[in-house]
Amino acid sequence: MNVVLFISDLMIPLVIVVIIAYGLAKKAPVYDSFIGGAMEGAKITFNIFPTLVGLMVAVGIVNIG
């Protein structure tokens, strides 16, 4: 059980290191790609935010009634 917990604690840092190493091996601009993806993710979040608020309000109304 301790081995599984140890491996699960290392998975996210390991994935990050593998992605960075792969980008560096391909000679891709890793930081610029990260910033571009983060900006795109923020735009998507702002686009779907009103829908999420509406869904949460609707579920709240259904749960009350």
PDB file of N, CA and C in Angstrom:
ATOM      1  N   MET A   1       0.823  -1.201   0.000  1.00  0.00           N
ATOM      2  CA  MET A   1       0.000   0.000   0.000  1.00  0.00           C
ATOM      3  C   MET A   1       0.860   1.254   0.000  1.00  0.00           C
ATOM      4  N   ASN A   2       1.964   1.229   0.715  1.00  0.00           N
ATOM      5  CA  ASN A   2       2.838   2.400   0.759  1.00  0.00           C
ATOM      6  C   ASN A   2       3.458   2.693  -0.600  1.00  0.00           C
ATOM      7  N   VAL A   3       3.712   1.639  -1.383  1.00  0.00           N
ATOM      8  CA  VAL A   3       4.292   1.833  -2.712  1.00  0.00           C
ATOM      9  C   VAL A   3       3.297   2.563  -3.611  1.00  0.00           C
ATOM     10  N   VAL A   4       2.030   2.194  -3.528  1.00  0.00           N
ATOM     11  CA  VAL A   4       1.001   2.833  -4.349  1.00  0.00           C
ATOM     12  C   VAL A   4       0.876   4.313  -3.972  1.00  0.00           C
ATOM     13  N   LEU A   5       0.894   4.620  -2.692  1.00  0.00           N
ATOM     14  CA  LEU A   5       0.827   6.017  -2.258  1.00  0.00           C
ATOM     15  C   LEU A   5       2.046   6.802  -2.719  1.00  0.00           C
ATOM     16  N   PHE A   6       3.213   6.186  -2.653  1.00  0.00           N
ATOM     17  CA  PHE A   6       4.442   6.852  -3.098  1.00  0.00           C
ATOM     18  C   PHE A   6       4.384   7.154  -4.591  1.00  0.00           C
ATOM     19  N   ILE A   7       3.938   6.180  -5.369  1.00  0.00           N
ATOM     20  CA  ILE A   7       3.846   6.373  -6.823  1.00  0.00           C
ATOM     21  C   ILE A   7       2.798   7.441  -7.154  1.00  0.00           C
ATOM     22  N   SER A   8       1.664   7.409  -6.449  1.00  0.00           N
ATOM     23  CA  SER A   8       0.623   8.387  -6.738  1.00  0.00           C
ATOM     24  C   SER A   8       1.063   9.805  -6.364  1.00  0.00           C
ATOM     25  N   ASP A   9       1.892   9.931  -5.347  1.00  0.00           N
ATOM     26  CA  ASP A   9       2.415  11.255  -4.978  1.00  0.00           C
ATOM     27  C   ASP A   9       3.375  11.808  -6.027  1.00  0.00           C
ATOM     28  N   LEU A  10       4.023  10.929  -6.772  1.00  0.00           N
ATOM     29  CA  LEU A  10       5.004  11.368  -7.762  1.00  0.00           C
ATOM     30  C   LEU A  10       4.439  11.522  -9.177  1.00  0.00           C
ATOM     31  N   MET A  11       3.198  11.139  -9.402  1.00  0.00           N
ATOM     32  CA  MET A  11       2.672  11.120 -10.764  1.00  0.00           C
ATOM     33  C   MET A  11       2.588  12.507 -11.400  1.00  0.00           C
ATOM     34  N   ILE A  12       2.049  13.493 -10.713  1.00  0.00           N
ATOM     35  CA  ILE A  12       1.900  14.821 -11.316  1.00  0.00           C
ATOM     36  C   ILE A  12       3.260  15.455 -11.593  1.00  0.00           C
ATOM     37  N   PRO A  13       4.199  15.465 -10.628  1.00  0.00           N
ATOM     38  CA  PRO A  13       5.515  16.013 -10.962  1.00  0.00           C
ATOM     39  C   PRO A  13       6.209  15.234 -12.085  1.00  0.00           C
ATOM     40  N   LEU A  14       6.020  13.913 -12.114  1.00  0.00           N
ATOM     41  CA  LEU A  14       6.633  13.105 -13.166  1.00  0.00           C
ATOM     42  C   LEU A  14       6.065  13.446 -14.536  1.00  0.00           C
ATOM     43  N   VAL A  15       4.766  13.628 -14.618  1.00  0.00           N
ATOM     44  CA  VAL A  15       4.133  13.996 -15.890  1.00  0.00           C
ATOM     45  C   VAL A  15       4.637  15.354 -16.359  1.00  0.00           C
ATOM     46  N   ILE A  16       4.769  16.299 -15.447  1.00  0.00           N
ATOM     47  CA  ILE A  16       5.267  17.632 -15.803  1.00  0.00           C
ATOM     48  C   ILE A  16       6.695  17.543 -16.328  1.00  0.00           C
ATOM     49  N   VAL A  17       7.539  16.770 -15.651  1.00  0.00           N
ATOM     50  CA  VAL A  17       8.936  16.623 -16.086  1.00  0.00           C
ATOM     51  C   VAL A  17       9.006  15.946 -17.447  1.00  0.00           C
ATOM     52  N   VAL A  18       8.180  14.928 -17.666  1.00  0.00           N
ATOM     53  CA  VAL A  18       8.193  14.230 -18.965  1.00  0.00           C
ATOM     54  C   VAL A  18       7.759  15.172 -20.083  1.00  0.00           C
ATOM     55  N   ILE A  19       6.736  15.986 -19.851  1.00  0.00           N
ATOM     56  CA  ILE A  19       6.273  16.928 -20.878  1.00  0.00           C
ATOM     57  C   ILE A  19       7.356  17.951 -21.199  1.00  0.00           C
ATOM     58  N   ILE A  20       8.004  18.485 -20.176  1.00  0.00           N
ATOM     59  CA  ILE A  20       9.071  19.466 -20.401  1.00  0.00           C
ATOM     60  C   ILE A  20      10.251  18.824 -21.126  1.00  0.00           C
ATOM     61  N   ALA A  21      10.626  17.612 -20.718  1.00  0.00           N
ATOM     62  CA  ALA A  21      11.742  16.925 -21.366  1.00  0.00           C
ATOM     63  C   ALA A  21      11.426  16.625 -22.836  1.00  0.00           C
ATOM     64  N   TYR A  22      10.201  16.212 -23.107  1.00  0.00           N
ATOM     65  CA  TYR A  22       9.799  15.941 -24.487  1.00  0.00           C
ATOM     66  C   TYR A  22       9.854  17.211 -25.328  1.00  0.00           C
ATOM     67  N   GLY A  23       9.365  18.309 -24.773  1.00  0.00           N
ATOM     68  CA  GLY A  23       9.405  19.585 -25.501  1.00  0.00           C
ATOM     69  C   GLY A  23      10.820  20.045 -25.767  1.00  0.00           C
ATOM     70  N   LEU A  24      11.694  19.873 -24.778  1.00  0.00           N
ATOM     71  CA  LEU A  24      13.089  20.260 -24.976  1.00  0.00           C
ATOM     72  C   LEU A  24      13.780  19.358 -25.992  1.00  0.00           C
ATOM     73  N   ALA A  25      13.445  18.065 -25.993  1.00  0.00           N
ATOM     74  CA  ALA A  25      14.036  17.138 -26.956  1.00  0.00           C
ATOM     75  C   ALA A  25      13.606  17.480 -28.379  1.00  0.00           C
ATOM     76  N   LYS A  26      12.373  17.941 -28.533  1.00  0.00           N
ATOM     77  CA  LYS A  26      11.871  18.339 -29.853  1.00  0.00           C
ATOM     78  C   LYS A  26      12.276  19.760 -30.220  1.00  0.00           C
ATOM     79  N   LYS A  27      12.981  20.440 -29.309  1.00  0.00           N
ATOM     80  CA  LYS A  27      13.420  21.817 -29.496  1.00  0.00           C
ATOM     81  C   LYS A  27      12.231  22.761 -29.722  1.00  0.00           C
ATOM     82  N   ALA A  28      11.154  22.509 -28.993  1.00  0.00           N
ATOM     83  CA  ALA A  28       9.960  23.348 -29.057  1.00  0.00           C
ATOM     84  C   ALA A  28      10.056  24.422 -27.977  1.00  0.00           C
ATOM     85  N   PRO A  29       9.469  25.578 -28.204  1.00  0.00           N
ATOM     86  CA  PRO A  29       9.459  26.621 -27.174  1.00  0.00           C
ATOM     87  C   PRO A  29       8.474  26.241 -26.063  1.00  0.00           C
ATOM     88  N   VAL A  30       8.954  25.541 -25.051  1.00  0.00           N
ATOM     89  CA  VAL A  30       8.096  24.960 -24.020  1.00  0.00           C
ATOM     90  C   VAL A  30       7.330  26.040 -23.265  1.00  0.00           C
ATOM     91  N   TYR A  31       8.016  27.074 -22.804  1.00  0.00           N
ATOM     92  CA  TYR A  31       7.358  28.112 -22.019  1.00  0.00           C
ATOM     93  C   TYR A  31       6.328  28.878 -22.851  1.00  0.00           C
ATOM     94  N   ASP A  32       6.690  29.206 -24.084  1.00  0.00           N
ATOM     95  CA  ASP A  32       5.752  29.924 -24.946  1.00  0.00           C
ATOM     96  C   ASP A  32       4.519  29.076 -25.239  1.00  0.00           C
ATOM     97  N   SER A  33       4.722  27.776 -25.434  1.00  0.00           N
ATOM     98  CA  SER A  33       3.587  26.881 -25.660  1.00  0.00           C
ATOM     99  C   SER A  33       2.701  26.810 -24.426  1.00  0.00           C
ATOM    100  N   PHE A  34       3.315  26.779 -23.246  1.00  0.00           N
ATOM    101  CA  PHE A  34       2.551  26.749 -21.999  1.00  0.00           C
ATOM    102  C   PHE A  34       1.721  28.015 -21.845  1.00  0.00           C
ATOM    103  N   ILE A  35       2.327  29.159 -22.088  1.00  0.00           N
ATOM    104  CA  ILE A  35       1.607  30.435 -21.952  1.00  0.00           C
ATOM    105  C   ILE A  35       0.454  30.505 -22.947  1.00  0.00           C
ATOM    106  N   GLY A  36       0.692  30.068 -24.183  1.00  0.00           N
ATOM    107  CA  GLY A  36      -0.378  30.068 -25.185  1.00  0.00           C
ATOM    108  C   GLY A  36      -1.531  29.160 -24.787  1.00  0.00           C
ATOM    109  N   GLY A  37      -1.215  27.980 -24.263  1.00  0.00           N
ATOM    110  CA  GLY A  37      -2.255  27.060 -23.816  1.00  0.00           C
ATOM    111  C   GLY A  37      -3.011  27.603 -22.617  1.00  0.00           C
ATOM    112  N   ALA A  38      -2.299  28.255 -21.700  1.00  0.00           N
ATOM    113  CA  ALA A  38      -2.959  28.833 -20.527  1.00  0.00           C
ATOM    114  C   ALA A  38      -3.907  29.955 -20.931  1.00  0.00           C
ATOM    115  N   MET A  39      -3.498  30.767 -21.882  1.00  0.00           N
ATOM    116  CA  MET A  39      -4.368  31.850 -22.346  1.00  0.00           C
ATOM    117  C   MET A  39      -5.603  31.289 -23.042  1.00  0.00           C
ATOM    118  N   GLU A  40      -5.412  30.248 -23.839  1.00  0.00           N
ATOM    119  CA  GLU A  40      -6.547  29.623 -24.517  1.00  0.00           C
ATOM    120  C   GLU A  40      -7.505  28.993 -23.505  1.00  0.00           C
ATOM    121  N   GLY A  41      -6.960  28.360 -22.477  1.00  0.00           N
ATOM    122  CA  GLY A  41      -7.793  27.777 -21.429  1.00  0.00           C
ATOM    123  C   GLY A  41      -8.582  28.830 -20.669  1.00  0.00           C
ATOM    124  N   ALA A  42      -7.959  29.973 -20.414  1.00  0.00           N
ATOM    125  CA  ALA A  42      -8.663  31.062 -19.731  1.00  0.00           C
ATOM    126  C   ALA A  42      -9.810  31.586 -20.581  1.00  0.00           C
ATOM    127  N   LYS A  43      -9.597  31.711 -21.888  1.00  0.00           N
ATOM    128  CA  LYS A  43     -10.667  32.170 -22.782  1.00  0.00           C
ATOM    129  C   LYS A  43     -11.840  31.196 -22.761  1.00  0.00           C
ATOM    130  N   ILE A  44     -11.539  29.905 -22.810  1.00  0.00           N
ATOM    131  CA  ILE A  44     -12.597  28.896 -22.782  1.00  0.00           C
ATOM    132  C   ILE A  44     -13.359  28.968 -21.468  1.00  0.00           C
ATOM    133  N   THR A  45     -12.626  29.143 -20.368  1.00  0.00           N
ATOM    134  CA  THR A  45     -13.267  29.241 -19.057  1.00  0.00           C
ATOM    135  C   THR A  45     -14.224  30.422 -19.003  1.00  0.00           C
ATOM    136  N   PHE A  46     -13.787  31.575 -19.505  1.00  0.00           N
ATOM    137  CA  PHE A  46     -14.651  32.754 -19.498  1.00  0.00           C
ATOM    138  C   PHE A  46     -15.857  32.572 -20.418  1.00  0.00           C
ATOM    139  N   ASN A  47     -15.689  31.794 -21.495  1.00  0.00           N
ATOM    140  CA  ASN A  47     -16.814  31.564 -22.411  1.00  0.00           C
ATOM    141  C   ASN A  47     -17.870  30.651 -21.801  1.00  0.00           C
ATOM    142  N   ILE A  48     -17.471  29.640 -21.026  1.00  0.00           N
ATOM    143  CA  ILE A  48     -18.454  28.704 -20.488  1.00  0.00           C
ATOM    144  C   ILE A  48     -18.920  29.072 -19.081  1.00  0.00           C
ATOM    145  N   PHE A  49     -18.345  30.100 -18.471  1.00  0.00           N
ATOM    146  CA  PHE A  49     -18.697  30.473 -17.108  1.00  0.00           C
ATOM    147  C   PHE A  49     -20.182  30.797 -16.939  1.00  0.00           C
ATOM    148  N   PRO A  50     -20.799  31.595 -17.818  1.00  0.00           N
ATOM    149  CA  PRO A  50     -22.240  31.873 -17.634  1.00  0.00           C
ATOM    150  C   PRO A  50     -23.094  30.604 -17.688  1.00  0.00           C
ATOM    151  N   THR A  51     -22.734  29.670 -18.530  1.00  0.00           N
ATOM    152  CA  THR A  51     -23.479  28.415 -18.612  1.00  0.00           C
ATOM    153  C   THR A  51     -23.352  27.632 -17.317  1.00  0.00           C
ATOM    154  N   LEU A  52     -22.137  27.583 -16.770  1.00  0.00           N
ATOM    155  CA  LEU A  52     -21.933  26.876 -15.510  1.00  0.00           C
ATOM    156  C   LEU A  52     -22.725  27.512 -14.379  1.00  0.00           C
ATOM    157  N   VAL A  53     -22.757  28.831 -14.322  1.00  0.00           N
ATOM    158  CA  VAL A  53     -23.524  29.520 -13.284  1.00  0.00           C
ATOM    159  C   VAL A  53     -25.006  29.188 -13.443  1.00  0.00           C
ATOM    160  N   GLY A  54     -25.510  29.207 -14.663  1.00  0.00           N
ATOM    161  CA  GLY A  54     -26.913  28.870 -14.902  1.00  0.00           C
ATOM    162  C   GLY A  54     -27.242  27.447 -14.483  1.00  0.00           C
ATOM    163  N   LEU A  55     -26.351  26.514 -14.792  1.00  0.00           N
ATOM    164  CA  LEU A  55     -26.574  25.127 -14.387  1.00  0.00           C
ATOM    165  C   LEU A  55     -26.577  24.978 -12.871  1.00  0.00           C
ATOM    166  N   MET A  56     -25.649  25.656 -12.193  1.00  0.00           N
ATOM    167  CA  MET A  56     -25.598  25.563 -10.733  1.00  0.00           C
ATOM    168  C   MET A  56     -26.842  26.163 -10.098  1.00  0.00           C
ATOM    169  N   VAL A  57     -27.323  27.262 -10.641  1.00  0.00           N
ATOM    170  CA  VAL A  57     -28.556  27.872 -10.120  1.00  0.00           C
ATOM    171  C   VAL A  57     -29.736  26.943 -10.350  1.00  0.00           C
ATOM    172  N   ALA A  58     -29.828  26.350 -11.530  1.00  0.00           N
ATOM    173  CA  ALA A  58     -30.931  25.439 -11.826  1.00  0.00           C
ATOM    174  C   ALA A  58     -30.906  24.222 -10.914  1.00  0.00           C
ATOM    175  N   VAL A  59     -29.745  23.657 -10.678  1.00  0.00           N
ATOM    176  CA  VAL A  59     -29.638  22.499  -9.775  1.00  0.00           C
ATOM    177  C   VAL A  59     -29.987  22.916  -8.351  1.00  0.00           C
ATOM    178  N   GLY A  60     -29.557  24.107  -7.945  1.00  0.00           N
ATOM    179  CA  GLY A  60     -29.919  24.595  -6.617  1.00  0.00           C
ATOM    180  C   GLY A  60     -31.410  24.764  -6.450  1.00  0.00           C
ATOM    181  N   ILE A  61     -32.080  25.260  -7.482  1.00  0.00           N
ATOM    182  CA  ILE A  61     -33.535  25.437  -7.416  1.00  0.00           C
ATOM    183  C   ILE A  61     -34.236  24.083  -7.345  1.00  0.00           C
ATOM    184  N   VAL A  62     -33.765  23.115  -8.105  1.00  0.00           N
ATOM    185  CA  VAL A  62     -34.360  21.783  -8.105  1.00  0.00           C
ATOM    186  C   VAL A  62     -34.163  21.117  -6.746  1.00  0.00           C
ATOM    187  N   ASN A  63     -33.005  21.299  -6.148  1.00  0.00           N
ATOM    188  CA  ASN A  63     -32.721  20.675  -4.844  1.00  0.00           C
ATOM    189  C   ASN A  63     -33.562  21.294  -3.735  1.00  0.00           C
ATOM    190  N   ILE A  64     -33.897  22.555  -3.835  1.00  0.00           N
ATOM    191  CA  ILE A  64     -34.682  23.207  -2.795  1.00  0.00           C
ATOM    192  C   ILE A  64     -36.140  22.719  -2.848  1.00  0.00           C
ATOM    193  N   GLY A  65     -36.646  22.582  -4.059  1.00  0.00           N
ATOM    194  CA  GLY A  65     -38.065  22.246  -4.239  1.00  0.00           C
ATOM    195  C   GLY A  65     -38.411  20.831  -4.074  1.00  0.00           C
TER     196      GLY A  65
END
